C-alpha cells in the first residue's frame, strides 16, 4: 500500500516551486487550450473534406468540398494566429458589456430549451425533411430566445429554411432531404 504525500515534497518547500510555476504558466496561457481545440477541429474538417467522394466534373469547381476546405483552413489559421498572440503575451479581456450582468447565474432553462429544439430538429429532419425541420429549428430558437411575433417569426423561419435548402441542394450540390415537400421543391 502506498501513500501519497499531502504536503510539500520537501521540508524546505523547494519541490513545490517548479510545480507551482508550471501551473501558473498554464493558467496564464490557458488560451492555448482553445488553440489546440481549433487546430484539432480544423484537421478534422479538412480530413473529412478530403475523404468526401464528389465527382468534380459533375458539379464544377465550387462543390460540396469548397466550404469545408475554407472553414478547415480558417480554423487552422485562427489557431496558429491565436497561439502566436498568446505566446507573445496577448490576453483576452473579460467581457465588460454594457447590458451583461457578469454576476448573474447562467440561464440553464434557455440552454436546455435550445438543446431540445436542436435535438428535435435533428430527429425530425429524416421524416419531415430539411425545409420543415429547419423552419421549426429557426422558429423554435427565436421563440426560446424571446421573440414573440407569432405572425412574423414563422414566415422568416420558413424563408430562411427554404433559402438554406436551395443554397445547399442546388448551388453547393449537397443533397438535403426534402421530405414530403420533395416533389414540390
N, C-alpha and C. Protein backbone atom coordinates (compact mmCIF):
# COMPACT_ATOMS: atom_id res chain seq x y z
N UNK A 1 0.85 -1.18 0.00
CA UNK A 1 0.00 0.00 0.00
C UNK A 1 0.89 1.24 0.00
N UNK A 2 0.60 2.13 -0.91
CA UNK A 2 1.39 3.36 -0.99
C UNK A 2 0.53 4.52 -0.55
N UNK A 3 1.20 5.47 -0.01
CA UNK A 3 0.50 6.69 0.39
C UNK A 3 1.11 7.86 -0.35
N UNK A 4 0.27 8.76 -0.79
CA UNK A 4 0.75 9.94 -1.49
C UNK A 4 0.96 11.06 -0.50
N UNK A 5 2.03 11.80 -0.69
CA UNK A 5 2.25 12.91 0.23
C UNK A 5 1.18 13.96 0.06
N UNK A 6 0.74 14.48 1.16
CA UNK A 6 -0.30 15.51 1.10
C UNK A 6 0.28 16.91 1.27
N UNK A 7 1.46 17.04 1.77
CA UNK A 7 2.05 18.35 1.98
C UNK A 7 3.14 18.62 0.96
N UNK A 8 4.03 19.52 1.23
CA UNK A 8 5.13 19.81 0.34
C UNK A 8 6.04 18.60 0.20
N UNK A 9 6.67 18.45 -0.98
CA UNK A 9 7.52 17.31 -1.24
C UNK A 9 8.75 17.31 -0.35
N UNK A 10 9.26 18.46 -0.03
CA UNK A 10 10.43 18.56 0.82
C UNK A 10 10.13 19.49 1.99
N UNK A 11 10.84 19.30 3.08
CA UNK A 11 10.55 20.18 4.22
C UNK A 11 10.82 21.65 3.91
N UNK A 12 11.78 21.93 3.01
CA UNK A 12 12.05 23.33 2.72
C UNK A 12 11.12 23.91 1.66
N UNK A 13 10.23 23.04 1.05
CA UNK A 13 9.25 23.54 0.10
C UNK A 13 9.78 23.74 -1.30
N UNK A 14 11.01 23.30 -1.62
CA UNK A 14 11.57 23.52 -2.95
C UNK A 14 10.92 22.63 -4.00
N UNK A 15 10.32 21.50 -3.62
CA UNK A 15 9.69 20.61 -4.59
C UNK A 15 8.41 21.17 -5.16
N UNK A 16 7.77 22.05 -4.48
CA UNK A 16 6.50 22.59 -4.97
C UNK A 16 6.69 23.81 -5.84
N UNK A 17 7.86 24.42 -5.79
CA UNK A 17 8.06 25.64 -6.58
C UNK A 17 7.98 25.41 -8.08
N UNK A 18 8.65 24.37 -8.64
CA UNK A 18 8.51 24.17 -10.10
C UNK A 18 7.08 23.80 -10.49
N UNK A 19 6.41 23.01 -9.64
CA UNK A 19 5.04 22.64 -9.96
C UNK A 19 4.13 23.87 -9.94
N UNK A 20 4.32 24.71 -8.96
CA UNK A 20 3.52 25.94 -8.89
C UNK A 20 3.83 26.86 -10.05
N UNK A 21 5.10 26.90 -10.47
CA UNK A 21 5.46 27.74 -11.61
C UNK A 21 4.83 27.23 -12.89
N UNK A 22 4.82 25.90 -13.07
CA UNK A 22 4.22 25.36 -14.29
C UNK A 22 2.69 25.55 -14.27
N UNK A 23 2.08 25.42 -13.11
CA UNK A 23 0.63 25.69 -13.04
C UNK A 23 0.34 27.15 -13.34
N UNK A 24 1.18 28.02 -12.83
CA UNK A 24 0.98 29.45 -13.09
C UNK A 24 1.15 29.75 -14.57
N UNK A 25 2.14 29.11 -15.23
CA UNK A 25 2.35 29.35 -16.67
C UNK A 25 1.15 28.84 -17.45
N UNK A 26 0.65 27.65 -17.09
CA UNK A 26 -0.52 27.11 -17.78
C UNK A 26 -1.75 27.98 -17.55
N UNK A 27 -1.90 28.49 -16.34
CA UNK A 27 -3.04 29.35 -16.05
C UNK A 27 -2.93 30.66 -16.84
N UNK A 28 -1.73 31.19 -16.96
CA UNK A 28 -1.55 32.42 -17.71
C UNK A 28 -1.73 32.22 -19.21
N UNK A 29 -1.52 31.01 -19.69
CA UNK A 29 -1.63 30.73 -21.12
C UNK A 29 -2.76 29.74 -21.40
N UNK A 30 -3.83 29.85 -20.67
CA UNK A 30 -4.93 28.90 -20.83
C UNK A 30 -5.59 28.98 -22.20
N UNK A 31 -5.41 30.10 -22.88
CA UNK A 31 -5.99 30.22 -24.22
C UNK A 31 -5.36 29.25 -25.21
N UNK A 32 -4.20 28.69 -24.85
CA UNK A 32 -3.58 27.70 -25.74
C UNK A 32 -4.47 26.46 -25.87
N UNK A 33 -5.27 26.18 -24.87
CA UNK A 33 -6.23 25.07 -24.98
C UNK A 33 -7.24 25.32 -26.10
N UNK A 34 -7.65 26.57 -26.24
CA UNK A 34 -8.57 26.91 -27.33
C UNK A 34 -7.86 26.73 -28.67
N UNK A 35 -6.57 27.09 -28.72
CA UNK A 35 -5.78 26.92 -29.95
C UNK A 35 -5.72 25.44 -30.33
N UNK A 36 -5.46 24.59 -29.37
CA UNK A 36 -5.38 23.15 -29.63
C UNK A 36 -6.73 22.64 -30.12
N UNK A 37 -7.79 23.09 -29.50
CA UNK A 37 -9.14 22.66 -29.91
C UNK A 37 -9.45 23.13 -31.34
N UNK A 38 -9.13 24.38 -31.65
CA UNK A 38 -9.39 24.90 -33.00
C UNK A 38 -8.55 24.17 -34.04
N UNK A 39 -7.28 23.88 -33.70
CA UNK A 39 -6.40 23.18 -34.64
C UNK A 39 -6.94 21.77 -34.89
N UNK A 40 -7.33 21.07 -33.83
CA UNK A 40 -7.87 19.71 -34.00
C UNK A 40 -9.16 19.74 -34.81
N UNK A 41 -10.00 20.73 -34.57
CA UNK A 41 -11.24 20.85 -35.33
C UNK A 41 -10.96 21.14 -36.80
N UNK A 42 -9.97 21.99 -37.07
CA UNK A 42 -9.58 22.26 -38.46
C UNK A 42 -9.07 21.02 -39.16
N UNK A 43 -8.24 20.24 -38.46
CA UNK A 43 -7.74 18.99 -39.06
C UNK A 43 -8.89 18.02 -39.32
N UNK A 44 -9.83 17.96 -38.40
CA UNK A 44 -10.97 17.06 -38.58
C UNK A 44 -11.81 17.47 -39.79
N UNK A 45 -12.05 18.76 -39.92
CA UNK A 45 -12.87 19.24 -41.04
C UNK A 45 -12.14 19.00 -42.37
N UNK A 46 -10.83 19.29 -42.40
CA UNK A 46 -10.08 19.07 -43.64
C UNK A 46 -9.99 17.59 -44.00
N UNK A 47 -9.79 16.74 -43.00
CA UNK A 47 -9.73 15.30 -43.26
C UNK A 47 -11.07 14.80 -43.77
N UNK A 48 -12.14 15.28 -43.19
CA UNK A 48 -13.47 14.87 -43.65
C UNK A 48 -13.73 15.36 -45.06
N UNK A 49 -13.27 16.57 -45.37
CA UNK A 49 -13.47 17.10 -46.72
C UNK A 49 -12.65 16.32 -47.74
N UNK A 50 -11.45 15.89 -47.35
CA UNK A 50 -10.62 15.13 -48.28
C UNK A 50 -11.19 13.75 -48.57
N UNK A 51 -11.85 13.17 -47.60
CA UNK A 51 -12.41 11.83 -47.80
C UNK A 51 -13.80 11.86 -48.41
N UNK A 52 -14.35 13.04 -48.66
CA UNK A 52 -15.67 13.16 -49.25
C UNK A 52 -15.60 12.75 -50.72
N UNK A 53 -16.49 11.89 -51.15
CA UNK A 53 -16.48 11.45 -52.55
C UNK A 53 -17.41 12.35 -53.36
N UNK A 54 -16.79 13.09 -54.28
CA UNK A 54 -17.53 14.04 -55.10
C UNK A 54 -16.97 13.96 -56.52
N UNK A 55 -17.85 13.91 -57.48
CA UNK A 55 -17.43 13.96 -58.87
C UNK A 55 -17.29 15.42 -59.25
N UNK A 56 -16.05 15.91 -59.30
CA UNK A 56 -15.80 17.33 -59.50
C UNK A 56 -16.26 17.80 -60.88
N UNK A 57 -16.20 16.92 -61.88
CA UNK A 57 -16.62 17.33 -63.23
C UNK A 57 -18.13 17.53 -63.30
N UNK A 58 -18.85 16.83 -62.44
CA UNK A 58 -20.31 16.95 -62.46
C UNK A 58 -20.78 18.25 -61.83
N UNK A 59 -20.08 18.74 -60.80
CA UNK A 59 -20.55 19.89 -60.04
C UNK A 59 -19.80 21.18 -60.34
N UNK A 60 -18.69 21.13 -61.01
CA UNK A 60 -17.92 22.33 -61.29
C UNK A 60 -16.89 22.58 -60.22
N UNK A 61 -16.18 23.70 -60.31
CA UNK A 61 -15.10 23.95 -59.35
C UNK A 61 -15.59 24.24 -57.94
N UNK A 62 -16.76 24.80 -57.80
CA UNK A 62 -17.31 25.06 -56.47
C UNK A 62 -18.32 23.97 -56.17
N UNK A 63 -17.96 23.11 -55.24
CA UNK A 63 -18.83 21.99 -54.93
C UNK A 63 -18.93 21.79 -53.43
N UNK A 64 -19.34 20.60 -53.04
CA UNK A 64 -19.53 20.33 -51.62
C UNK A 64 -18.24 20.40 -50.80
N UNK A 65 -17.08 20.26 -51.44
CA UNK A 65 -15.83 20.32 -50.68
C UNK A 65 -15.36 21.74 -50.40
N UNK A 66 -15.85 22.70 -51.11
CA UNK A 66 -15.33 24.06 -51.01
C UNK A 66 -15.51 24.65 -49.61
N UNK A 67 -16.71 24.58 -49.10
CA UNK A 67 -16.97 25.17 -47.78
C UNK A 67 -16.17 24.48 -46.69
N UNK A 68 -16.11 23.13 -46.64
CA UNK A 68 -15.27 22.51 -45.61
C UNK A 68 -13.79 22.86 -45.75
N UNK A 69 -13.28 22.98 -46.97
CA UNK A 69 -11.89 23.38 -47.14
C UNK A 69 -11.65 24.78 -46.59
N UNK A 70 -12.54 25.70 -46.90
CA UNK A 70 -12.38 27.08 -46.43
C UNK A 70 -12.48 27.14 -44.91
N UNK A 71 -13.48 26.46 -44.36
CA UNK A 71 -13.68 26.51 -42.90
C UNK A 71 -12.54 25.81 -42.18
N UNK A 72 -12.11 24.65 -42.68
CA UNK A 72 -10.99 23.96 -42.04
C UNK A 72 -9.71 24.78 -42.10
N UNK A 73 -9.46 25.40 -43.25
CA UNK A 73 -8.28 26.26 -43.36
C UNK A 73 -8.35 27.46 -42.44
N UNK A 74 -9.54 28.04 -42.31
CA UNK A 74 -9.70 29.18 -41.39
C UNK A 74 -9.49 28.75 -39.94
N UNK A 75 -9.97 27.56 -39.59
CA UNK A 75 -9.74 27.06 -38.22
C UNK A 75 -8.24 26.94 -37.95
N UNK A 76 -7.49 26.37 -38.91
CA UNK A 76 -6.04 26.21 -38.71
C UNK A 76 -5.36 27.57 -38.62
N UNK A 77 -5.73 28.49 -39.49
CA UNK A 77 -5.12 29.82 -39.48
C UNK A 77 -5.41 30.55 -38.17
N UNK A 78 -6.65 30.51 -37.72
CA UNK A 78 -7.00 31.19 -36.47
C UNK A 78 -6.29 30.54 -35.29
N UNK A 79 -6.15 29.21 -35.29
CA UNK A 79 -5.46 28.52 -34.20
C UNK A 79 -3.99 28.97 -34.14
N UNK A 80 -3.34 29.05 -35.28
CA UNK A 80 -1.93 29.45 -35.29
C UNK A 80 -1.78 30.91 -34.88
N UNK A 81 -2.63 31.79 -35.42
CA UNK A 81 -2.53 33.21 -35.07
C UNK A 81 -2.82 33.45 -33.59
N UNK A 82 -3.79 32.74 -33.05
CA UNK A 82 -4.12 32.89 -31.63
C UNK A 82 -2.98 32.36 -30.76
N UNK A 83 -2.37 31.25 -31.16
CA UNK A 83 -1.24 30.70 -30.39
C UNK A 83 -0.07 31.67 -30.38
N UNK A 84 0.21 32.26 -31.52
CA UNK A 84 1.31 33.24 -31.58
C UNK A 84 1.00 34.43 -30.68
N UNK A 85 -0.23 34.90 -30.71
CA UNK A 85 -0.61 36.04 -29.88
C UNK A 85 -0.50 35.70 -28.40
N UNK A 86 -0.96 34.52 -28.01
CA UNK A 86 -0.89 34.12 -26.60
C UNK A 86 0.56 33.98 -26.16
N UNK A 87 1.39 33.38 -26.99
CA UNK A 87 2.79 33.19 -26.60
C UNK A 87 3.56 34.51 -26.57
N UNK A 88 3.07 35.52 -27.28
CA UNK A 88 3.69 36.85 -27.22
C UNK A 88 3.18 37.68 -26.05
N UNK A 89 2.25 37.12 -25.29
CA UNK A 89 1.75 37.82 -24.12
C UNK A 89 0.36 38.39 -24.25
N UNK A 90 -0.27 38.15 -25.37
CA UNK A 90 -1.63 38.66 -25.55
C UNK A 90 -2.59 37.93 -24.63
N UNK A 91 -3.54 38.66 -24.11
CA UNK A 91 -4.52 38.07 -23.21
C UNK A 91 -5.90 38.59 -23.58
N UNK A 92 -6.86 37.70 -23.49
CA UNK A 92 -8.24 38.11 -23.72
C UNK A 92 -8.76 38.84 -22.51
N UNK A 93 -9.55 39.85 -22.75
CA UNK A 93 -10.12 40.60 -21.64
C UNK A 93 -11.48 40.06 -21.30
N UNK A 94 -11.80 40.08 -20.04
CA UNK A 94 -13.13 39.65 -19.62
C UNK A 94 -14.16 40.58 -20.21
N UNK A 95 -15.29 39.99 -20.59
CA UNK A 95 -16.31 40.80 -21.23
C UNK A 95 -16.89 41.80 -20.24
N UNK A 96 -16.92 43.03 -20.66
CA UNK A 96 -17.50 44.06 -19.80
C UNK A 96 -18.62 44.77 -20.50
N UNK A 97 -19.50 43.98 -21.14
CA UNK A 97 -20.60 44.56 -21.92
C UNK A 97 -21.50 45.44 -21.07
N UNK A 98 -22.16 46.35 -21.74
CA UNK A 98 -22.99 47.30 -21.03
C UNK A 98 -24.23 46.65 -20.42
N UNK A 99 -24.83 45.73 -21.17
CA UNK A 99 -26.07 45.16 -20.69
C UNK A 99 -25.91 43.71 -20.24
N UNK A 100 -24.71 43.30 -19.94
CA UNK A 100 -24.45 41.94 -19.49
C UNK A 100 -24.09 41.97 -18.02
N UNK A 101 -24.86 41.24 -17.23
CA UNK A 101 -24.57 41.14 -15.80
C UNK A 101 -23.68 39.91 -15.61
N UNK A 102 -22.39 40.16 -15.37
CA UNK A 102 -21.44 39.07 -15.26
C UNK A 102 -21.61 38.28 -13.97
N UNK A 103 -22.31 38.84 -13.01
CA UNK A 103 -22.52 38.13 -11.75
C UNK A 103 -23.78 37.27 -11.75
N UNK A 104 -24.62 37.44 -12.75
CA UNK A 104 -25.86 36.67 -12.82
C UNK A 104 -25.54 35.22 -13.19
N UNK A 105 -26.30 34.28 -12.64
CA UNK A 105 -26.06 32.87 -13.00
C UNK A 105 -26.49 32.60 -14.44
N UNK A 106 -25.99 31.49 -14.98
CA UNK A 106 -26.33 31.12 -16.36
C UNK A 106 -27.82 30.77 -16.44
N UNK A 107 -28.40 31.07 -17.60
CA UNK A 107 -29.81 30.77 -17.83
C UNK A 107 -29.92 29.35 -18.35
N UNK A 108 -29.98 28.41 -17.45
CA UNK A 108 -29.99 26.99 -17.81
C UNK A 108 -31.28 26.59 -18.52
N UNK A 109 -32.38 27.23 -18.19
CA UNK A 109 -33.64 26.90 -18.84
C UNK A 109 -33.55 27.17 -20.34
N UNK A 110 -33.00 28.32 -20.71
CA UNK A 110 -32.86 28.65 -22.12
C UNK A 110 -31.92 27.69 -22.82
N UNK A 111 -30.82 27.35 -22.16
CA UNK A 111 -29.87 26.42 -22.77
C UNK A 111 -30.52 25.06 -22.98
N UNK A 112 -31.27 24.59 -22.00
CA UNK A 112 -31.94 23.29 -22.13
C UNK A 112 -33.01 23.33 -23.23
N UNK A 113 -33.77 24.42 -23.30
CA UNK A 113 -34.79 24.52 -24.35
C UNK A 113 -34.15 24.58 -25.73
N UNK A 114 -33.04 25.32 -25.87
CA UNK A 114 -32.35 25.35 -27.16
C UNK A 114 -31.81 23.98 -27.52
N UNK A 115 -31.28 23.26 -26.54
CA UNK A 115 -30.80 21.91 -26.80
C UNK A 115 -31.94 21.02 -27.27
N UNK A 116 -33.11 21.16 -26.64
CA UNK A 116 -34.27 20.39 -27.06
C UNK A 116 -34.70 20.71 -28.48
N UNK A 117 -34.66 22.00 -28.84
CA UNK A 117 -35.03 22.40 -30.19
C UNK A 117 -34.05 21.80 -31.21
N UNK A 118 -32.76 21.86 -30.91
CA UNK A 118 -31.77 21.29 -31.83
C UNK A 118 -31.94 19.78 -31.96
N UNK A 119 -32.16 19.09 -30.85
CA UNK A 119 -32.33 17.64 -30.91
C UNK A 119 -33.61 17.27 -31.65
N UNK A 120 -34.68 18.03 -31.44
CA UNK A 120 -35.93 17.77 -32.16
C UNK A 120 -35.74 17.97 -33.66
N UNK A 121 -35.02 19.02 -34.04
CA UNK A 121 -34.76 19.26 -35.46
C UNK A 121 -33.94 18.12 -36.05
N UNK A 122 -32.96 17.64 -35.30
CA UNK A 122 -32.13 16.53 -35.80
C UNK A 122 -32.96 15.27 -35.94
N UNK A 123 -33.90 15.05 -35.03
CA UNK A 123 -34.74 13.85 -35.11
C UNK A 123 -35.78 13.97 -36.22
N UNK A 124 -36.23 15.17 -36.51
CA UNK A 124 -37.31 15.35 -37.49
C UNK A 124 -36.81 15.56 -38.92
N UNK A 125 -35.52 15.72 -39.10
CA UNK A 125 -35.02 16.01 -40.45
C UNK A 125 -35.24 14.83 -41.39
N UNK A 126 -35.22 13.62 -40.87
CA UNK A 126 -35.47 12.44 -41.71
C UNK A 126 -36.91 12.35 -42.17
N UNK A 127 -37.88 12.32 -41.24
CA UNK A 127 -39.27 12.16 -41.70
C UNK A 127 -39.88 13.41 -42.32
N UNK A 128 -39.49 14.59 -41.86
CA UNK A 128 -40.12 15.82 -42.36
C UNK A 128 -39.30 16.53 -43.43
N UNK A 129 -38.01 16.21 -43.52
CA UNK A 129 -37.15 16.88 -44.49
C UNK A 129 -36.55 18.15 -43.91
N UNK A 130 -35.54 18.66 -44.61
CA UNK A 130 -34.85 19.84 -44.11
C UNK A 130 -35.71 21.09 -44.11
N UNK A 131 -36.51 21.37 -45.16
CA UNK A 131 -37.26 22.64 -45.13
C UNK A 131 -38.18 22.77 -43.92
N UNK A 132 -38.89 21.72 -43.56
CA UNK A 132 -39.82 21.81 -42.43
C UNK A 132 -39.06 21.78 -41.10
N UNK A 133 -38.12 20.83 -40.96
CA UNK A 133 -37.40 20.75 -39.68
C UNK A 133 -36.51 21.98 -39.48
N UNK A 134 -35.96 22.52 -40.57
CA UNK A 134 -35.17 23.75 -40.45
C UNK A 134 -36.03 24.92 -40.03
N UNK A 135 -37.23 25.01 -40.59
CA UNK A 135 -38.14 26.09 -40.19
C UNK A 135 -38.50 25.96 -38.71
N UNK A 136 -38.76 24.73 -38.26
CA UNK A 136 -39.06 24.52 -36.84
C UNK A 136 -37.85 24.87 -35.97
N UNK A 137 -36.66 24.56 -36.47
CA UNK A 137 -35.44 24.90 -35.73
C UNK A 137 -35.29 26.41 -35.58
N UNK A 138 -35.44 27.14 -36.68
CA UNK A 138 -35.28 28.60 -36.63
C UNK A 138 -36.37 29.25 -35.80
N UNK A 139 -37.60 28.79 -35.99
CA UNK A 139 -38.72 29.36 -35.25
C UNK A 139 -38.61 29.03 -33.76
N UNK A 140 -38.31 27.78 -33.43
CA UNK A 140 -38.16 27.38 -32.03
C UNK A 140 -37.03 28.12 -31.35
N UNK A 141 -35.92 28.31 -32.06
CA UNK A 141 -34.79 29.04 -31.47
C UNK A 141 -35.17 30.49 -31.19
N UNK A 142 -35.86 31.11 -32.15
CA UNK A 142 -36.29 32.50 -31.94
C UNK A 142 -37.25 32.61 -30.76
N UNK A 143 -38.16 31.64 -30.64
CA UNK A 143 -39.13 31.66 -29.53
C UNK A 143 -38.43 31.48 -28.19
N UNK A 144 -37.50 30.53 -28.13
CA UNK A 144 -36.79 30.28 -26.87
C UNK A 144 -35.96 31.49 -26.48
N UNK A 145 -35.42 32.19 -27.46
CA UNK A 145 -34.58 33.36 -27.16
C UNK A 145 -35.39 34.62 -26.90
N UNK A 146 -36.73 34.51 -26.96
CA UNK A 146 -37.54 35.63 -26.50
C UNK A 146 -38.38 36.32 -27.54
N UNK A 147 -38.33 35.93 -28.81
CA UNK A 147 -39.13 36.60 -29.82
C UNK A 147 -40.56 36.07 -29.74
N UNK A 148 -41.53 36.98 -29.69
CA UNK A 148 -42.93 36.57 -29.56
C UNK A 148 -43.80 37.13 -30.69
N UNK A 149 -43.23 37.30 -31.86
CA UNK A 149 -44.00 37.75 -33.02
C UNK A 149 -44.54 36.51 -33.74
N UNK A 150 -45.80 36.13 -33.40
CA UNK A 150 -46.36 34.87 -33.89
C UNK A 150 -46.69 34.90 -35.37
N UNK A 151 -46.79 36.03 -35.98
CA UNK A 151 -47.04 36.09 -37.40
C UNK A 151 -45.77 36.21 -38.22
N UNK A 152 -44.83 36.97 -37.73
CA UNK A 152 -43.61 37.25 -38.47
C UNK A 152 -42.57 36.12 -38.35
N UNK A 153 -42.39 35.58 -37.16
CA UNK A 153 -41.32 34.61 -36.92
C UNK A 153 -41.45 33.34 -37.77
N UNK A 154 -42.66 32.73 -37.87
CA UNK A 154 -42.75 31.54 -38.72
C UNK A 154 -42.44 31.83 -40.18
N UNK A 155 -42.83 32.99 -40.66
CA UNK A 155 -42.55 33.33 -42.07
C UNK A 155 -41.05 33.51 -42.30
N UNK A 156 -40.39 34.20 -41.39
CA UNK A 156 -38.95 34.37 -41.52
C UNK A 156 -38.24 33.03 -41.40
N UNK A 157 -38.70 32.18 -40.48
CA UNK A 157 -38.08 30.87 -40.31
C UNK A 157 -38.26 30.02 -41.56
N UNK A 158 -39.45 30.04 -42.15
CA UNK A 158 -39.69 29.26 -43.36
C UNK A 158 -38.85 29.79 -44.52
N UNK A 159 -38.77 31.10 -44.66
CA UNK A 159 -37.95 31.68 -45.72
C UNK A 159 -36.49 31.36 -45.55
N UNK A 160 -35.99 31.47 -44.34
CA UNK A 160 -34.59 31.16 -44.08
C UNK A 160 -34.28 29.69 -44.32
N UNK A 161 -35.20 28.82 -43.93
CA UNK A 161 -35.00 27.40 -44.14
C UNK A 161 -35.03 27.04 -45.62
N UNK A 162 -35.96 27.61 -46.37
CA UNK A 162 -36.01 27.35 -47.81
C UNK A 162 -34.78 27.90 -48.51
N UNK A 163 -34.34 29.09 -48.12
CA UNK A 163 -33.13 29.67 -48.71
C UNK A 163 -31.92 28.76 -48.46
N UNK A 164 -31.79 28.29 -47.22
CA UNK A 164 -30.67 27.41 -46.88
C UNK A 164 -30.75 26.11 -47.68
N UNK A 165 -31.97 25.58 -47.81
CA UNK A 165 -32.15 24.34 -48.58
C UNK A 165 -31.73 24.54 -50.03
N UNK A 166 -32.16 25.61 -50.65
CA UNK A 166 -31.82 25.84 -52.05
C UNK A 166 -30.33 26.08 -52.23
N UNK A 167 -29.69 26.82 -51.32
CA UNK A 167 -28.25 27.07 -51.45
C UNK A 167 -27.47 25.77 -51.36
N UNK A 168 -27.79 24.96 -50.37
CA UNK A 168 -27.04 23.72 -50.20
C UNK A 168 -27.39 22.71 -51.28
N UNK A 169 -28.66 22.54 -51.58
CA UNK A 169 -29.08 21.50 -52.51
C UNK A 169 -28.79 21.86 -53.96
N UNK A 170 -29.03 23.08 -54.36
CA UNK A 170 -28.89 23.45 -55.77
C UNK A 170 -27.55 24.09 -56.10
N UNK A 171 -27.03 24.96 -55.26
CA UNK A 171 -25.80 25.67 -55.59
C UNK A 171 -24.55 24.92 -55.17
N UNK A 172 -24.55 24.35 -53.96
CA UNK A 172 -23.36 23.65 -53.48
C UNK A 172 -23.38 22.17 -53.80
N UNK A 173 -24.51 21.64 -54.20
CA UNK A 173 -24.58 20.22 -54.56
C UNK A 173 -24.60 19.28 -53.37
N UNK A 174 -24.97 19.79 -52.20
CA UNK A 174 -25.09 18.94 -51.01
C UNK A 174 -26.55 18.52 -50.92
N UNK A 175 -26.83 17.25 -51.18
CA UNK A 175 -28.24 16.84 -51.15
C UNK A 175 -28.78 16.81 -49.72
N UNK A 176 -29.85 17.55 -49.52
CA UNK A 176 -30.53 17.57 -48.23
C UNK A 176 -31.88 16.89 -48.41
N UNK A 177 -32.35 16.19 -47.38
CA UNK A 177 -33.65 15.52 -47.52
C UNK A 177 -34.78 16.54 -47.65
N UNK A 178 -35.58 16.35 -48.67
CA UNK A 178 -36.69 17.27 -48.91
C UNK A 178 -37.94 16.91 -48.15
N UNK A 179 -38.06 15.64 -47.75
CA UNK A 179 -39.23 15.20 -47.00
C UNK A 179 -40.47 15.22 -47.86
N UNK A 180 -41.63 15.48 -47.29
CA UNK A 180 -42.87 15.48 -48.05
C UNK A 180 -42.93 16.58 -49.10
N UNK A 181 -42.09 17.59 -48.98
CA UNK A 181 -42.07 18.68 -49.95
C UNK A 181 -41.15 18.38 -51.13
N UNK A 182 -40.61 17.17 -51.20
CA UNK A 182 -39.62 16.85 -52.24
C UNK A 182 -40.19 17.06 -53.64
N UNK A 183 -41.42 16.69 -53.88
CA UNK A 183 -41.99 16.85 -55.20
C UNK A 183 -42.34 18.29 -55.51
N UNK A 184 -42.59 19.07 -54.49
CA UNK A 184 -42.98 20.47 -54.70
C UNK A 184 -41.75 21.33 -54.94
N UNK A 185 -40.69 21.07 -54.19
CA UNK A 185 -39.48 21.87 -54.30
C UNK A 185 -38.66 21.35 -55.44
